[in-house]
Amino acid sequence: VQRIRSKARPLALYLFSQDKKVITYITTHLQYGGGCVNDTIIHLANLKAPFGGVGYSGMGMYHGKYSFETFSHTKTVMQKGKLFDISARYHPYTSKKSALIKKVLR
């Protein structure tokens, strides 16, 4: 574990063991993109599971919706309504306006 941690985080980890404690320890104490226990590469065949690296081995996750989310940007856009506006939002900021804003934001 220490040797693997001393290197860049791997894209994949393939662990061969029958010892449940070893499997649990290694899979929870190492950072890696994805992997298999007692097999190799088969995790890539599951299109419903994300695939991607950590750090230098890659950023983001791919496959299905994960690819879409990796290459998309969720953007928030708010449009001010015309019916309700608080004058305290605008300059000049008097002590009275500041007190009102502080009270509202509590």
Protein backbone atom coordinates (compact mmCIF):
# COMPACT_ATOMS: atom_id res chain seq x y z
CA VAL A 1 0.00 0.00 0.00
CA GLN A 2 2.79 2.45 0.89
CA ARG A 3 4.60 1.78 -2.39
CA ILE A 4 1.46 2.42 -4.44
CA ARG A 5 0.69 5.57 -2.42
CA SER A 6 4.21 6.88 -3.10
CA LYS A 7 3.48 6.98 -6.85
CA ALA A 8 0.93 8.84 -8.97
CA ARG A 9 -2.61 7.52 -8.52
CA PRO A 10 -3.23 4.70 -10.99
CA LEU A 11 -5.97 4.68 -13.60
CA ALA A 12 -6.88 1.12 -12.61
CA LEU A 13 -6.15 -1.33 -9.80
CA TYR A 14 -6.35 -5.08 -10.28
CA LEU A 15 -6.18 -7.02 -7.03
CA PHE A 16 -5.87 -10.78 -6.81
CA SER A 17 -6.75 -12.14 -3.38
CA GLN A 18 -9.24 -14.39 -1.62
CA ASP A 19 -8.71 -12.66 1.73
CA LYS A 20 -11.74 -10.42 2.38
CA LYS A 21 -9.83 -8.29 4.89
CA VAL A 22 -7.05 -7.63 2.36
CA ILE A 23 -9.58 -6.81 -0.37
CA THR A 24 -11.48 -4.41 1.88
CA TYR A 25 -8.33 -2.75 3.19
CA ILE A 26 -6.72 -2.19 -0.21
CA THR A 27 -9.87 -1.06 -2.03
CA THR A 28 -10.71 1.45 0.71
CA HIS A 29 -7.21 2.75 1.47
CA LEU A 30 -5.96 3.45 -2.06
CA GLN A 31 -7.12 6.04 -4.56
CA TYR A 32 -7.45 4.82 -8.14
CA GLY A 33 -9.79 5.30 -11.08
CA GLY A 34 -11.50 1.92 -11.05
CA GLY A 35 -10.63 -1.71 -10.96
CA CYS A 36 -11.36 -5.36 -10.41
CA VAL A 37 -10.82 -8.01 -7.79
CA ASN A 38 -9.61 -11.33 -9.21
CA ASP A 39 -10.05 -10.13 -12.79
CA THR A 40 -8.76 -7.45 -15.16
CA ILE A 41 -10.33 -4.86 -17.47
CA ILE A 42 -13.86 -6.26 -17.09
CA HIS A 43 -14.95 -3.16 -15.16
CA LEU A 44 -14.79 -1.27 -18.46
CA ALA A 45 -17.53 -3.45 -19.94
CA ASN A 46 -20.16 -2.16 -17.52
CA LEU A 47 -21.55 0.86 -19.35
CA LYS A 48 -23.64 1.84 -16.33
CA ALA A 49 -20.57 2.22 -14.13
CA PRO A 50 -18.36 5.30 -14.45
CA PHE A 51 -14.81 4.98 -15.70
CA GLY A 52 -12.13 7.58 -15.13
CA GLY A 53 -8.93 8.39 -13.36
CA VAL A 54 -7.83 10.39 -10.37
CA GLY A 55 -5.18 13.11 -10.57
CA TYR A 56 -2.61 12.57 -13.36
CA SER A 57 -4.33 9.40 -14.56
CA GLY A 58 -7.30 11.45 -15.73
CA MET A 59 -10.08 13.75 -14.70
CA GLY A 60 -13.76 13.10 -14.93
CA MET A 61 -15.73 9.93 -15.46
CA TYR A 62 -16.90 8.40 -18.69
CA HIS A 63 -19.63 6.03 -19.94
CA GLY A 64 -23.21 7.03 -20.62
CA LYS A 65 -24.54 9.82 -18.43
CA TYR A 66 -21.12 10.21 -16.76
CA SER A 67 -19.59 11.27 -20.10
CA PHE A 68 -22.37 13.77 -20.60
CA GLU A 69 -21.87 15.21 -17.12
CA THR A 70 -18.07 15.35 -17.53
CA PHE A 71 -18.32 17.36 -20.74
CA SER A 72 -21.23 19.53 -19.63
CA HIS A 73 -21.36 22.60 -17.49
CA THR A 74 -24.39 23.31 -15.35
CA LYS A 75 -24.91 27.03 -15.40
CA THR A 76 -27.09 29.06 -13.07
CA VAL A 77 -28.79 32.08 -14.61
CA MET A 78 -31.16 34.21 -12.58
CA GLN A 79 -33.35 36.92 -14.02
CA LYS A 80 -34.56 39.72 -11.81
CA GLY A 81 -38.31 39.98 -11.60
CA LYS A 82 -40.19 43.25 -12.08
CA LEU A 83 -42.67 43.01 -9.23
CA PHE A 84 -40.50 42.95 -6.12
CA ASP A 85 -37.32 44.93 -5.60
CA ILE A 86 -35.63 45.99 -2.38
CA SER A 87 -34.02 49.42 -2.53
CA ALA A 88 -31.68 48.41 0.30
CA ARG A 89 -29.74 46.37 -2.28
CA TYR A 90 -28.48 49.49 -4.00
CA HIS A 91 -25.91 52.19 -3.29
CA PRO A 92 -25.62 54.37 -1.24
CA TYR A 93 -25.42 51.90 1.66
CA THR A 94 -26.53 53.75 4.76
CA SER A 95 -26.27 52.29 8.24
CA LYS A 96 -30.05 51.78 8.17
CA LYS A 97 -29.84 49.79 4.92
CA SER A 98 -26.90 47.74 6.23
CA ALA A 99 -28.82 46.87 9.39
CA LEU A 100 -31.85 45.80 7.34
CA ILE A 101 -29.75 43.58 5.06
CA LYS A 102 -27.97 41.98 8.04
CA LYS A 103 -31.32 41.27 9.67
CA VAL A 104 -32.75 39.68 6.51
CA LEU A 105 -29.65 37.52 5.95
CA ARG A 106 -29.66 36.01 9.46
